[in-house]
Amino acid sequence: MSTITESVDVEVPVRTAYNQWTQFEEFPHFMEGVEQVTQLDGRHNHWVMSVAGARREFDTEIVDQLPDERVAWRTVSGEVKQEGVVTFEELDDTRTRVHLAMIVDPAGMAEKAADMAGIIDRLAKGDLRRFKQFIEERGAESGAWRGRIPPV
């Protein structure tokens, strides 16, 4: 089991960064190994990933979501076991700190080996850097979901 933490400062307002993060189906554009995310409803997503040569499908549930502050999730089905939270901190009117904290329990030998080699940690940290590039190049979010999901 691994704990991953990383932060990145993005050159967009907090509302823009948060709004883009709520567009889960856009994740394959900046998350390495994520082939597809399908939003099933306001709380659930289906993921298809390929990490360390292993293809995995799983479902996640948003367990806490507060606009412009945080999105927290956990897996609810499939071989992948993880939970985490992404928080958004307004640095000023045009900059936001995005912080990821995640616990991953790898399934299968390939994922466990990738975890021990630090690959899963590097992928997650790279995903945040790619999110920064993605949203800064766009300059605006591709959509938004501003609903509140209270903690489960």
N, C-alpha and C. Protein backbone atom coordinates (compact mmCIF):
# COMPACT_ATOMS: atom_id res chain seq x y z
N MET A 1 0.85 -1.17 0.00
CA MET A 1 0.00 0.00 0.00
C MET A 1 0.90 1.23 0.00
N SER A 2 0.53 2.21 -0.80
CA SER A 2 1.32 3.43 -0.91
C SER A 2 0.48 4.66 -0.63
N THR A 3 1.13 5.65 -0.06
CA THR A 3 0.53 6.96 0.11
C THR A 3 1.25 7.91 -0.83
N ILE A 4 0.48 8.62 -1.61
CA ILE A 4 1.02 9.55 -2.59
C ILE A 4 0.54 10.95 -2.23
N THR A 5 1.45 11.89 -2.18
CA THR A 5 1.08 13.29 -1.98
C THR A 5 1.88 14.13 -2.95
N GLU A 6 1.24 15.13 -3.49
CA GLU A 6 1.91 16.04 -4.44
C GLU A 6 1.06 17.29 -4.56
N SER A 7 1.73 18.40 -4.81
CA SER A 7 1.05 19.67 -5.06
C SER A 7 1.64 20.30 -6.31
N VAL A 8 0.80 21.09 -6.97
CA VAL A 8 1.26 21.85 -8.13
C VAL A 8 0.51 23.18 -8.13
N ASP A 9 1.22 24.23 -8.47
CA ASP A 9 0.60 25.54 -8.60
C ASP A 9 0.25 25.77 -10.06
N VAL A 10 -1.00 26.12 -10.31
CA VAL A 10 -1.46 26.35 -11.68
C VAL A 10 -1.81 27.82 -11.86
N GLU A 11 -1.57 28.32 -13.04
CA GLU A 11 -1.78 29.74 -13.34
C GLU A 11 -3.19 29.98 -13.88
N VAL A 12 -4.18 29.56 -13.09
CA VAL A 12 -5.59 29.84 -13.37
C VAL A 12 -6.30 30.07 -12.04
N PRO A 13 -7.42 30.79 -12.05
CA PRO A 13 -8.18 30.98 -10.81
C PRO A 13 -8.67 29.66 -10.23
N VAL A 14 -8.93 29.64 -8.93
CA VAL A 14 -9.36 28.43 -8.26
C VAL A 14 -10.63 27.86 -8.90
N ARG A 15 -11.56 28.71 -9.27
CA ARG A 15 -12.80 28.24 -9.88
C ARG A 15 -12.52 27.47 -11.18
N THR A 16 -11.60 27.97 -11.98
CA THR A 16 -11.26 27.32 -13.25
C THR A 16 -10.61 25.96 -13.00
N ALA A 17 -9.64 25.90 -12.08
CA ALA A 17 -8.97 24.64 -11.78
C ALA A 17 -9.96 23.61 -11.24
N TYR A 18 -10.79 24.02 -10.30
CA TYR A 18 -11.78 23.11 -9.72
C TYR A 18 -12.77 22.64 -10.79
N ASN A 19 -13.30 23.58 -11.56
CA ASN A 19 -14.29 23.21 -12.59
C ASN A 19 -13.72 22.18 -13.56
N GLN A 20 -12.46 22.37 -13.99
CA GLN A 20 -11.87 21.41 -14.92
C GLN A 20 -11.71 20.05 -14.27
N TRP A 21 -11.33 20.04 -12.99
CA TRP A 21 -11.14 18.75 -12.31
C TRP A 21 -12.45 17.97 -12.23
N THR A 22 -13.58 18.63 -12.21
CA THR A 22 -14.87 17.93 -12.14
C THR A 22 -15.27 17.31 -13.47
N GLN A 23 -14.50 17.54 -14.51
CA GLN A 23 -14.79 16.97 -15.84
C GLN A 23 -14.03 15.65 -15.97
N PHE A 24 -14.49 14.65 -15.25
CA PHE A 24 -13.78 13.37 -15.13
C PHE A 24 -13.52 12.71 -16.47
N GLU A 25 -14.43 12.85 -17.42
CA GLU A 25 -14.25 12.20 -18.72
C GLU A 25 -13.11 12.82 -19.53
N GLU A 26 -12.58 13.96 -19.08
CA GLU A 26 -11.42 14.60 -19.71
C GLU A 26 -10.09 14.07 -19.14
N PHE A 27 -10.12 13.27 -18.08
CA PHE A 27 -8.90 12.81 -17.43
C PHE A 27 -7.92 12.11 -18.38
N PRO A 28 -8.37 11.32 -19.37
CA PRO A 28 -7.40 10.69 -20.27
C PRO A 28 -6.51 11.70 -21.01
N HIS A 29 -6.90 12.95 -21.09
CA HIS A 29 -6.08 13.96 -21.77
C HIS A 29 -4.83 14.31 -20.98
N PHE A 30 -4.82 14.06 -19.67
CA PHE A 30 -3.65 14.41 -18.89
C PHE A 30 -3.20 13.35 -17.88
N MET A 31 -3.96 12.26 -17.75
CA MET A 31 -3.57 11.20 -16.82
C MET A 31 -3.02 10.01 -17.60
N GLU A 32 -1.76 9.74 -17.38
CA GLU A 32 -1.09 8.63 -18.06
C GLU A 32 -1.69 7.31 -17.60
N GLY A 33 -1.96 6.44 -18.54
CA GLY A 33 -2.52 5.13 -18.22
C GLY A 33 -4.03 5.10 -18.15
N VAL A 34 -4.67 6.26 -18.08
CA VAL A 34 -6.13 6.31 -18.05
C VAL A 34 -6.63 6.29 -19.49
N GLU A 35 -7.32 5.23 -19.85
CA GLU A 35 -7.84 5.10 -21.21
C GLU A 35 -9.21 5.75 -21.34
N GLN A 36 -10.04 5.60 -20.29
CA GLN A 36 -11.40 6.13 -20.37
C GLN A 36 -11.98 6.28 -18.96
N VAL A 37 -12.73 7.36 -18.77
CA VAL A 37 -13.54 7.55 -17.56
C VAL A 37 -14.94 7.88 -18.04
N THR A 38 -15.89 7.12 -17.54
CA THR A 38 -17.30 7.34 -17.88
C THR A 38 -18.02 7.77 -16.61
N GLN A 39 -18.61 8.94 -16.64
CA GLN A 39 -19.37 9.41 -15.48
C GLN A 39 -20.74 8.74 -15.53
N LEU A 40 -21.03 7.93 -14.52
CA LEU A 40 -22.27 7.16 -14.47
C LEU A 40 -23.42 7.99 -13.91
N ASP A 41 -23.11 8.83 -12.93
CA ASP A 41 -24.07 9.76 -12.33
C ASP A 41 -23.25 10.81 -11.58
N GLY A 42 -23.89 11.64 -10.79
CA GLY A 42 -23.19 12.71 -10.10
C GLY A 42 -22.17 12.24 -9.07
N ARG A 43 -22.24 10.99 -8.69
CA ARG A 43 -21.37 10.46 -7.64
C ARG A 43 -20.45 9.34 -8.11
N HIS A 44 -20.77 8.67 -9.22
CA HIS A 44 -20.03 7.46 -9.62
C HIS A 44 -19.40 7.58 -11.01
N ASN A 45 -18.19 7.00 -11.12
CA ASN A 45 -17.46 6.97 -12.38
C ASN A 45 -16.92 5.56 -12.63
N HIS A 46 -16.86 5.18 -13.90
CA HIS A 46 -16.26 3.91 -14.31
C HIS A 46 -14.94 4.23 -15.01
N TRP A 47 -13.88 3.58 -14.58
CA TRP A 47 -12.52 3.82 -15.09
C TRP A 47 -12.00 2.62 -15.85
N VAL A 48 -11.26 2.88 -16.92
CA VAL A 48 -10.49 1.87 -17.64
C VAL A 48 -9.06 2.39 -17.68
N MET A 49 -8.14 1.61 -17.11
CA MET A 49 -6.73 2.02 -17.02
C MET A 49 -5.82 0.90 -17.48
N SER A 50 -4.62 1.29 -17.86
CA SER A 50 -3.57 0.34 -18.16
C SER A 50 -2.30 0.86 -17.50
N VAL A 51 -1.85 0.13 -16.46
CA VAL A 51 -0.65 0.52 -15.73
C VAL A 51 0.26 -0.69 -15.62
N ALA A 52 1.52 -0.49 -15.94
CA ALA A 52 2.52 -1.56 -15.87
C ALA A 52 2.09 -2.77 -16.69
N GLY A 53 1.44 -2.51 -17.82
CA GLY A 53 1.03 -3.58 -18.71
C GLY A 53 -0.23 -4.32 -18.31
N ALA A 54 -0.85 -3.90 -17.22
CA ALA A 54 -2.07 -4.56 -16.74
C ALA A 54 -3.26 -3.64 -16.97
N ARG A 55 -4.28 -4.16 -17.64
CA ARG A 55 -5.50 -3.38 -17.89
C ARG A 55 -6.49 -3.66 -16.76
N ARG A 56 -7.00 -2.59 -16.17
CA ARG A 56 -7.93 -2.73 -15.05
C ARG A 56 -9.14 -1.84 -15.27
N GLU A 57 -10.31 -2.34 -14.84
CA GLU A 57 -11.54 -1.55 -14.83
C GLU A 57 -12.04 -1.53 -13.40
N PHE A 58 -12.54 -0.37 -12.99
CA PHE A 58 -13.05 -0.23 -11.64
C PHE A 58 -14.00 0.95 -11.58
N ASP A 59 -14.77 1.01 -10.49
CA ASP A 59 -15.72 2.10 -10.28
C ASP A 59 -15.30 2.89 -9.04
N THR A 60 -15.50 4.19 -9.11
CA THR A 60 -15.23 5.06 -7.97
C THR A 60 -16.50 5.77 -7.55
N GLU A 61 -16.50 6.18 -6.29
CA GLU A 61 -17.61 6.95 -5.74
C GLU A 61 -17.03 8.23 -5.15
N ILE A 62 -17.62 9.36 -5.50
CA ILE A 62 -17.25 10.63 -4.87
C ILE A 62 -17.87 10.61 -3.48
N VAL A 63 -17.04 10.77 -2.46
CA VAL A 63 -17.53 10.70 -1.08
C VAL A 63 -17.62 12.07 -0.42
N ASP A 64 -17.04 13.08 -1.05
CA ASP A 64 -17.12 14.44 -0.53
C ASP A 64 -16.70 15.39 -1.66
N GLN A 65 -17.53 16.35 -1.95
CA GLN A 65 -17.21 17.31 -2.99
C GLN A 65 -17.78 18.67 -2.59
N LEU A 66 -16.89 19.65 -2.49
CA LEU A 66 -17.27 21.01 -2.12
C LEU A 66 -16.66 21.95 -3.16
N PRO A 67 -17.50 22.65 -3.93
CA PRO A 67 -16.98 23.50 -5.00
C PRO A 67 -15.86 24.43 -4.54
N ASP A 68 -14.82 24.45 -5.38
CA ASP A 68 -13.63 25.28 -5.22
C ASP A 68 -12.76 24.87 -4.04
N GLU A 69 -13.09 23.75 -3.38
CA GLU A 69 -12.29 23.32 -2.23
C GLU A 69 -11.75 21.91 -2.35
N ARG A 70 -12.62 20.91 -2.67
CA ARG A 70 -12.13 19.53 -2.66
C ARG A 70 -13.05 18.58 -3.41
N VAL A 71 -12.42 17.48 -3.84
CA VAL A 71 -13.12 16.32 -4.40
C VAL A 71 -12.43 15.10 -3.78
N ALA A 72 -13.21 14.28 -3.06
CA ALA A 72 -12.68 13.07 -2.43
C ALA A 72 -13.40 11.86 -3.00
N TRP A 73 -12.69 10.75 -3.14
CA TRP A 73 -13.25 9.55 -3.76
C TRP A 73 -12.70 8.29 -3.12
N ARG A 74 -13.33 7.18 -3.47
CA ARG A 74 -12.84 5.84 -3.11
C ARG A 74 -13.32 4.87 -4.18
N THR A 75 -12.62 3.78 -4.33
CA THR A 75 -13.09 2.76 -5.25
C THR A 75 -14.19 1.96 -4.56
N VAL A 76 -15.14 1.50 -5.38
CA VAL A 76 -16.25 0.72 -4.83
C VAL A 76 -16.41 -0.63 -5.52
N SER A 77 -15.67 -0.84 -6.63
CA SER A 77 -15.70 -2.15 -7.28
C SER A 77 -14.46 -2.29 -8.15
N GLY A 78 -14.14 -3.54 -8.48
CA GLY A 78 -12.98 -3.82 -9.31
C GLY A 78 -11.77 -4.18 -8.47
N GLU A 79 -10.67 -4.51 -9.17
CA GLU A 79 -9.45 -4.95 -8.50
C GLU A 79 -8.65 -3.80 -7.91
N VAL A 80 -8.81 -2.62 -8.43
CA VAL A 80 -8.05 -1.46 -7.96
C VAL A 80 -8.67 -0.96 -6.65
N LYS A 81 -7.83 -0.76 -5.67
CA LYS A 81 -8.28 -0.23 -4.37
C LYS A 81 -7.53 1.07 -4.11
N GLN A 82 -8.29 2.15 -4.01
CA GLN A 82 -7.68 3.44 -3.73
C GLN A 82 -8.71 4.37 -3.11
N GLU A 83 -8.19 5.39 -2.47
CA GLU A 83 -9.00 6.49 -1.98
C GLU A 83 -8.13 7.72 -1.99
N GLY A 84 -8.77 8.86 -2.12
CA GLY A 84 -7.96 10.06 -2.15
C GLY A 84 -8.80 11.32 -2.13
N VAL A 85 -8.07 12.44 -2.13
CA VAL A 85 -8.71 13.75 -2.15
C VAL A 85 -7.81 14.70 -2.92
N VAL A 86 -8.44 15.55 -3.71
CA VAL A 86 -7.76 16.65 -4.38
C VAL A 86 -8.33 17.92 -3.78
N THR A 87 -7.45 18.79 -3.29
CA THR A 87 -7.90 20.05 -2.72
C THR A 87 -7.37 21.21 -3.56
N PHE A 88 -8.08 22.32 -3.48
CA PHE A 88 -7.78 23.51 -4.28
C PHE A 88 -7.62 24.69 -3.33
N GLU A 89 -6.46 25.33 -3.39
CA GLU A 89 -6.16 26.47 -2.51
C GLU A 89 -5.93 27.71 -3.37
N GLU A 90 -6.73 28.73 -3.17
CA GLU A 90 -6.55 29.97 -3.90
C GLU A 90 -5.29 30.68 -3.39
N LEU A 91 -4.32 30.88 -4.28
CA LEU A 91 -3.11 31.61 -3.91
C LEU A 91 -3.30 33.10 -4.12
N ASP A 92 -3.97 33.46 -5.20
CA ASP A 92 -4.39 34.83 -5.48
C ASP A 92 -5.46 34.73 -6.57
N ASP A 93 -5.84 35.84 -7.16
CA ASP A 93 -6.94 35.82 -8.14
C ASP A 93 -6.64 35.00 -9.39
N THR A 94 -5.38 34.73 -9.67
CA THR A 94 -5.03 34.05 -10.92
C THR A 94 -4.22 32.77 -10.72
N ARG A 95 -3.99 32.36 -9.47
CA ARG A 95 -3.18 31.16 -9.22
C ARG A 95 -3.83 30.28 -8.16
N THR A 96 -3.68 28.98 -8.36
CA THR A 96 -4.28 27.98 -7.47
C THR A 96 -3.28 26.89 -7.17
N ARG A 97 -3.23 26.44 -5.93
CA ARG A 97 -2.44 25.26 -5.58
C ARG A 97 -3.40 24.07 -5.57
N VAL A 98 -3.05 23.05 -6.36
CA VAL A 98 -3.82 21.81 -6.43
C VAL A 98 -3.01 20.77 -5.68
N HIS A 99 -3.62 20.16 -4.67
CA HIS A 99 -2.92 19.18 -3.83
C HIS A 99 -3.62 17.83 -3.91
N LEU A 100 -2.85 16.80 -4.17
CA LEU A 100 -3.35 15.42 -4.26
C LEU A 100 -2.83 14.62 -3.07
N ALA A 101 -3.72 13.90 -2.40
CA ALA A 101 -3.35 12.93 -1.37
C ALA A 101 -4.13 11.66 -1.68
N MET A 102 -3.41 10.55 -1.83
CA MET A 102 -4.05 9.33 -2.30
C MET A 102 -3.40 8.12 -1.66
N ILE A 103 -4.21 7.13 -1.32
CA ILE A 103 -3.73 5.84 -0.83
C ILE A 103 -4.10 4.80 -1.88
N VAL A 104 -3.11 4.05 -2.32
CA VAL A 104 -3.29 3.05 -3.37
C VAL A 104 -2.86 1.69 -2.82
N ASP A 105 -3.70 0.68 -3.01
CA ASP A 105 -3.38 -0.69 -2.65
C ASP A 105 -3.34 -1.48 -3.95
N PRO A 106 -2.16 -1.67 -4.52
CA PRO A 106 -2.05 -2.31 -5.84
C PRO A 106 -2.59 -3.74 -5.87
N ALA A 107 -3.20 -4.08 -7.00
CA ALA A 107 -3.71 -5.44 -7.22
C ALA A 107 -2.81 -6.12 -8.24
N GLY A 108 -2.53 -7.36 -8.05
CA GLY A 108 -1.76 -8.12 -9.02
C GLY A 108 -0.26 -7.87 -8.90
N MET A 109 0.50 -8.79 -9.45
CA MET A 109 1.95 -8.73 -9.36
C MET A 109 2.54 -7.54 -10.11
N ALA A 110 2.01 -7.25 -11.30
CA ALA A 110 2.55 -6.14 -12.09
C ALA A 110 2.40 -4.81 -11.35
N GLU A 111 1.21 -4.58 -10.78
CA GLU A 111 0.99 -3.33 -10.05
C GLU A 111 1.82 -3.26 -8.78
N LYS A 112 1.96 -4.39 -8.08
CA LYS A 112 2.77 -4.39 -6.86
C LYS A 112 4.23 -4.10 -7.18
N ALA A 113 4.73 -4.67 -8.27
CA ALA A 113 6.10 -4.39 -8.69
C ALA A 113 6.25 -2.93 -9.10
N ALA A 114 5.26 -2.40 -9.82
CA ALA A 114 5.30 -0.99 -10.22
C ALA A 114 5.27 -0.09 -8.99
N ASP A 115 4.49 -0.47 -7.99
CA ASP A 115 4.41 0.32 -6.76
C ASP A 115 5.75 0.30 -6.04
N MET A 116 6.34 -0.88 -5.92
CA MET A 116 7.63 -0.99 -5.22
C MET A 116 8.73 -0.21 -5.95
N ALA A 117 8.62 -0.11 -7.26
CA ALA A 117 9.61 0.62 -8.05
C ALA A 117 9.32 2.13 -8.08
N GLY A 118 8.24 2.54 -7.45
CA GLY A 118 7.90 3.96 -7.41
C GLY A 118 7.19 4.46 -8.65
N ILE A 119 6.79 3.56 -9.54
CA ILE A 119 6.16 3.97 -10.80
C ILE A 119 4.79 4.59 -10.56
N ILE A 120 3.99 4.01 -9.67
CA ILE A 120 2.65 4.54 -9.41
C ILE A 120 2.75 5.95 -8.83
N ASP A 121 3.69 6.16 -7.92
CA ASP A 121 3.91 7.48 -7.34
C ASP A 121 4.31 8.48 -8.44
N ARG A 122 5.24 8.10 -9.30
CA ARG A 122 5.69 8.99 -10.39
C ARG A 122 4.56 9.28 -11.37
N LEU A 123 3.72 8.28 -11.66
CA LEU A 123 2.58 8.51 -12.56
C LEU A 123 1.63 9.56 -11.99
N ALA A 124 1.28 9.43 -10.72
CA ALA A 124 0.35 10.37 -10.10
C ALA A 124 0.94 11.78 -10.08
N LYS A 125 2.21 11.90 -9.75
CA LYS A 125 2.86 13.21 -9.72
C LYS A 125 2.94 13.80 -11.13
N GLY A 126 3.22 12.95 -12.10
CA GLY A 126 3.22 13.41 -13.49
C GLY A 126 1.85 13.84 -13.95
N ASP A 127 0.81 13.16 -13.48
CA ASP A 127 -0.56 13.54 -13.84
C ASP A 127 -0.86 14.97 -13.39
N LEU A 128 -0.40 15.34 -12.20
CA LEU A 128 -0.63 16.71 -11.73
C LEU A 128 0.11 17.72 -12.60
N ARG A 129 1.35 17.41 -12.98
CA ARG A 129 2.09 18.31 -13.88
C ARG A 129 1.39 18.44 -15.22
N ARG A 130 0.86 17.32 -15.72
CA ARG A 130 0.15 17.36 -17.01
C ARG A 130 -1.18 18.10 -16.87
N PHE A 131 -1.84 18.00 -15.71
CA PHE A 131 -3.05 18.79 -15.47
C PHE A 131 -2.71 20.28 -15.55
N LYS A 132 -1.61 20.67 -14.92
CA LYS A 132 -1.17 22.06 -14.96
C LYS A 132 -1.01 22.53 -16.40
N GLN A 133 -0.31 21.76 -17.19
CA GLN A 133 -0.10 22.11 -18.60
C GLN A 133 -1.44 22.15 -19.35
N PHE A 134 -2.28 21.17 -19.12
CA PHE A 134 -3.57 21.07 -19.79
C PHE A 134 -4.44 22.30 -19.53
N ILE A 135 -4.61 22.67 -18.25
CA ILE A 135 -5.51 23.77 -17.93
C ILE A 135 -4.89 25.12 -18.28
N GLU A 136 -3.58 25.26 -18.13
CA GLU A 136 -2.94 26.54 -18.48
C GLU A 136 -2.98 26.79 -19.98
N GLU A 137 -2.79 25.73 -20.77
CA GLU A 137 -2.86 25.89 -22.23
C GLU A 137 -4.27 26.24 -22.67
N ARG A 138 -5.25 25.63 -22.05
CA ARG A 138 -6.65 25.93 -22.38
C ARG A 138 -7.03 27.33 -21.92
N GLY A 139 -6.61 27.67 -20.70
CA GLY A 139 -6.94 28.97 -20.13
C GLY A 139 -8.35 29.05 -19.58
N ALA A 140 -9.16 28.06 -19.87
CA ALA A 140 -10.55 28.01 -19.39
C ALA A 140 -10.94 26.54 -19.25
N GLU A 141 -11.90 26.30 -18.39
CA GLU A 141 -12.36 24.93 -18.18
C GLU A 141 -13.22 24.47 -19.35
N SER A 142 -13.26 23.15 -19.55
CA SER A 142 -14.08 22.59 -20.63
C SER A 142 -15.53 22.37 -20.18
N GLY A 143 -15.79 22.55 -18.91
CA GLY A 143 -17.12 22.39 -18.34
C GLY A 143 -17.02 22.54 -16.84
N ALA A 144 -18.12 22.29 -16.15
CA ALA A 144 -18.11 22.43 -14.69
C ALA A 144 -19.27 21.65 -14.10
N TRP A 145 -19.04 21.14 -12.90
CA TRP A 145 -20.12 20.59 -12.09
C TRP A 145 -19.94 21.21 -10.73
N ARG A 146 -20.88 22.02 -10.30
CA ARG A 146 -20.74 22.82 -9.10
C ARG A 146 -21.59 22.29 -7.94
N GLY A 147 -22.08 21.07 -8.05
CA GLY A 147 -22.91 20.51 -6.99
C GLY A 147 -22.13 20.17 -5.75
N ARG A 148 -22.82 20.01 -4.66
CA ARG A 148 -22.23 19.64 -3.38
C ARG A 148 -22.58 18.20 -3.09
N ILE A 149 -21.57 17.41 -2.79
CA ILE A 149 -21.78 16.03 -2.33
C ILE A 149 -21.26 16.00 -0.89
N PRO A 150 -22.15 15.89 0.09
CA PRO A 150 -21.71 15.90 1.48
C PRO A 150 -20.95 14.61 1.82
N PRO A 151 -20.07 14.69 2.81
CA PRO A 151 -19.29 13.50 3.20
C PRO A 151 -20.18 12.31 3.52
N VAL A 152 -19.70 11.16 3.09
CA VAL A 152 -20.43 9.89 3.33
C VAL A 152 -20.08 9.37 4.70
